Structure formats: C-alpha cells, structure tokens
C-alpha cells in the first residue's frame, strides 16, 4: 500500500508542475484571445444565440483579466507558493465556468481548456508535498 501511495504522489507531483506550465500557457493564450475579441469583433463567429450572450468586447475583457490571473497563479504555482495551490483550484474552476459560457463563440477551444482545467484541478488537489 505505501508503494502505491508513493507512486500516486510522484505522478501527482509531476502533474502539478505540468499543471503550472499548462496554466501559464493557457493564461497567455486566453490573454491573446481576449485581445483578439476586443480588437476585432469579426474574428469570432457566433453560432446559436444563448441566454448568457455578452458582447464580444465584454468577453474579450473577461478573457484578458482571466488570462492574466491564470498565468500569474501558474507562475506562483511553479515557485511553490502555498497559497497558489488553493488559488489554482479556484482560478481553474472560474476558467471552466467562463469557457463553458464561451462555447457559442469558440467551441473546440473551450472544450480543450475545460479539459486542461480539470487536469489542473486534479493534479493540484491530489498532490501532497509533504508525502512526496
């Protein structure tokens, strides 16, 4: 049993570092996506109209702010800051929610980011640094 726990913690620790790198990358890309939405409304094509439809400029600013937060928490997670673990889980959950609402504009990207955010939440929540 202890060997299984040790292996699981090793995988979780490695995945947590990967999660931090994923967060930085996703944050930068979300920031760029937000700039594209703010700068030029014709970049994204809206499909079906949903109840929670916002103007693309509003979505652009949401993605800019979210991108900066995701990247900053990802960098803090790389440095090993204790507060970054809880913040990473919260920010990843907010990112899941925002990308769910962003589905009408860019569905494949939203599904990919939601999946990556789930990996981040799993990795950060299962890793116990004191047992690694």
Protein backbone atom coordinates (compact mmCIF):
# COMPACT_ATOMS: atom_id res chain seq x y z
CA UNK A 1 0.00 0.00 0.00
CA UNK A 2 2.72 2.61 0.79
CA UNK A 3 4.38 1.98 -2.60
CA UNK A 4 1.11 2.67 -4.40
CA UNK A 5 0.65 5.91 -2.46
CA UNK A 6 4.23 6.94 -3.23
CA UNK A 7 3.77 6.30 -6.94
CA UNK A 8 0.47 8.20 -6.94
CA UNK A 9 2.11 11.14 -5.15
CA UNK A 10 5.01 11.11 -7.62
CA UNK A 11 2.60 11.24 -10.55
CA UNK A 12 0.58 13.99 -8.85
CA UNK A 13 3.75 16.00 -8.12
CA UNK A 14 4.92 15.73 -11.71
CA UNK A 15 1.47 16.56 -13.00
CA UNK A 16 1.32 19.58 -10.66
CA UNK A 17 4.43 21.01 -12.29
CA UNK A 18 2.86 20.24 -15.64
CA UNK A 19 -0.35 21.89 -14.42
CA UNK A 20 1.58 25.05 -13.56
CA UNK A 21 3.08 25.11 -17.04
CA UNK A 22 -0.36 24.44 -18.55
CA UNK A 23 -1.80 27.33 -16.51
CA UNK A 24 0.88 29.75 -17.72
CA UNK A 25 0.37 28.69 -21.33
CA UNK A 26 -3.43 28.80 -21.13
CA UNK A 27 -3.27 32.19 -19.43
CA UNK A 28 -1.13 33.66 -22.19
CA UNK A 29 -3.37 32.21 -24.89
CA UNK A 30 -6.54 33.41 -23.14
CA UNK A 31 -4.98 36.86 -22.88
CA UNK A 32 -4.29 36.86 -26.64
CA UNK A 33 -7.79 35.54 -27.31
CA UNK A 34 -9.20 38.40 -25.27
CA UNK A 35 -7.17 40.95 -27.21
CA UNK A 36 -8.46 39.45 -30.47
CA UNK A 37 -12.06 39.71 -29.23
CA UNK A 38 -11.61 43.32 -28.09
CA UNK A 39 -9.70 44.49 -31.16
CA UNK A 40 -11.78 42.94 -33.92
CA UNK A 41 -15.32 41.63 -33.46
CA UNK A 42 -15.22 39.82 -36.83
CA UNK A 43 -12.61 37.30 -35.64
CA UNK A 44 -15.18 35.15 -33.84
CA UNK A 45 -18.45 33.98 -35.34
CA UNK A 46 -21.37 33.40 -33.02
CA UNK A 47 -23.47 30.32 -33.69
CA UNK A 48 -26.60 29.68 -31.70
CA UNK A 49 -27.85 32.50 -29.50
CA UNK A 50 -27.80 31.68 -25.80
CA UNK A 51 -29.37 33.37 -22.81
CA UNK A 52 -25.96 34.35 -21.40
CA UNK A 53 -24.77 36.06 -24.57
CA UNK A 54 -22.44 39.01 -23.99
CA UNK A 55 -20.94 41.46 -26.43
CA UNK A 56 -17.61 40.22 -27.82
CA UNK A 57 -15.82 43.20 -26.33
CA UNK A 58 -17.10 42.23 -22.88
CA UNK A 59 -15.96 38.64 -23.45
CA UNK A 60 -12.62 39.97 -24.62
CA UNK A 61 -12.08 41.85 -21.37
CA UNK A 62 -13.20 38.83 -19.35
CA UNK A 63 -10.60 36.69 -21.14
CA UNK A 64 -7.87 39.31 -20.75
CA UNK A 65 -8.39 39.52 -16.98
CA UNK A 66 -8.81 35.76 -16.64
CA UNK A 67 -5.70 35.14 -18.75
CA UNK A 68 -3.58 37.38 -16.56
CA UNK A 69 -4.90 35.72 -13.39
CA UNK A 70 -4.37 32.18 -14.73
CA UNK A 71 -0.82 32.95 -15.85
CA UNK A 72 0.06 34.68 -12.58
CA UNK A 73 -1.24 31.81 -10.45
CA UNK A 74 0.55 29.34 -12.72
CA UNK A 75 3.83 31.18 -12.17
CA UNK A 76 3.23 31.25 -8.42
CA UNK A 77 2.50 27.52 -8.51
CA UNK A 78 5.84 26.97 -10.25
CA UNK A 79 7.62 28.80 -7.44
CA UNK A 80 5.95 26.56 -4.85
CA UNK A 81 3.91 29.23 -3.09
CA UNK A 82 1.48 27.61 -0.66
CA UNK A 83 -1.38 29.97 -1.45
CA UNK A 84 -1.02 29.17 -5.14
CA UNK A 85 -2.44 25.65 -4.72
CA UNK A 86 -5.82 26.87 -3.46
CA UNK A 87 -5.77 29.79 -5.89
CA UNK A 88 -5.02 27.44 -8.80
CA UNK A 89 -8.07 25.34 -7.98
CA UNK A 90 -10.32 28.39 -7.68
CA UNK A 91 -8.99 30.08 -10.84
CA UNK A 92 -9.23 26.83 -12.82
CA UNK A 93 -12.86 26.45 -11.70
CA UNK A 94 -13.60 30.04 -12.77
CA UNK A 95 -11.88 29.32 -16.09
CA UNK A 96 -14.09 26.24 -16.57
CA UNK A 97 -17.18 28.37 -15.97
CA UNK A 98 -16.04 31.17 -18.30
CA UNK A 99 -15.11 28.76 -21.07
CA UNK A 100 -18.44 26.97 -20.73
CA UNK A 101 -20.14 30.31 -21.33
CA UNK A 102 -17.71 30.98 -24.23
CA UNK A 103 -18.81 27.77 -26.04
CA UNK A 104 -21.00 29.54 -28.65
CA UNK A 105 -18.04 31.57 -29.92
CA UNK A 106 -15.17 29.07 -29.96
CA UNK A 107 -16.44 25.59 -29.02
CA UNK A 108 -13.37 23.40 -29.65
CA UNK A 109 -11.05 25.72 -27.81
CA UNK A 110 -13.48 25.95 -24.90
CA UNK A 111 -13.75 22.17 -24.57
CA UNK A 112 -9.95 21.85 -24.69
CA UNK A 113 -9.45 24.49 -21.99
CA UNK A 114 -12.14 22.91 -19.81
CA UNK A 115 -10.35 19.56 -20.06
CA UNK A 116 -6.99 21.14 -19.21
CA UNK A 117 -8.53 22.94 -16.25
CA UNK A 118 -9.89 19.63 -14.95
CA UNK A 119 -6.35 18.18 -15.17
CA UNK A 120 -5.02 21.19 -13.26
CA UNK A 121 -7.63 20.79 -10.51
CA UNK A 122 -6.94 17.06 -10.20
CA UNK A 123 -3.16 17.48 -10.08
CA UNK A 124 -3.12 20.31 -7.58
CA UNK A 125 -5.77 18.82 -5.30
CA UNK A 126 -4.26 15.31 -5.12
CA UNK A 127 -0.63 16.34 -4.62
CA UNK A 128 0.53 16.38 -1.00
CA UNK A 129 4.03 17.93 -1.00
CA UNK A 130 4.84 16.59 2.47
CA UNK A 131 4.40 12.98 1.26
CA UNK A 132 6.37 13.22 -2.00
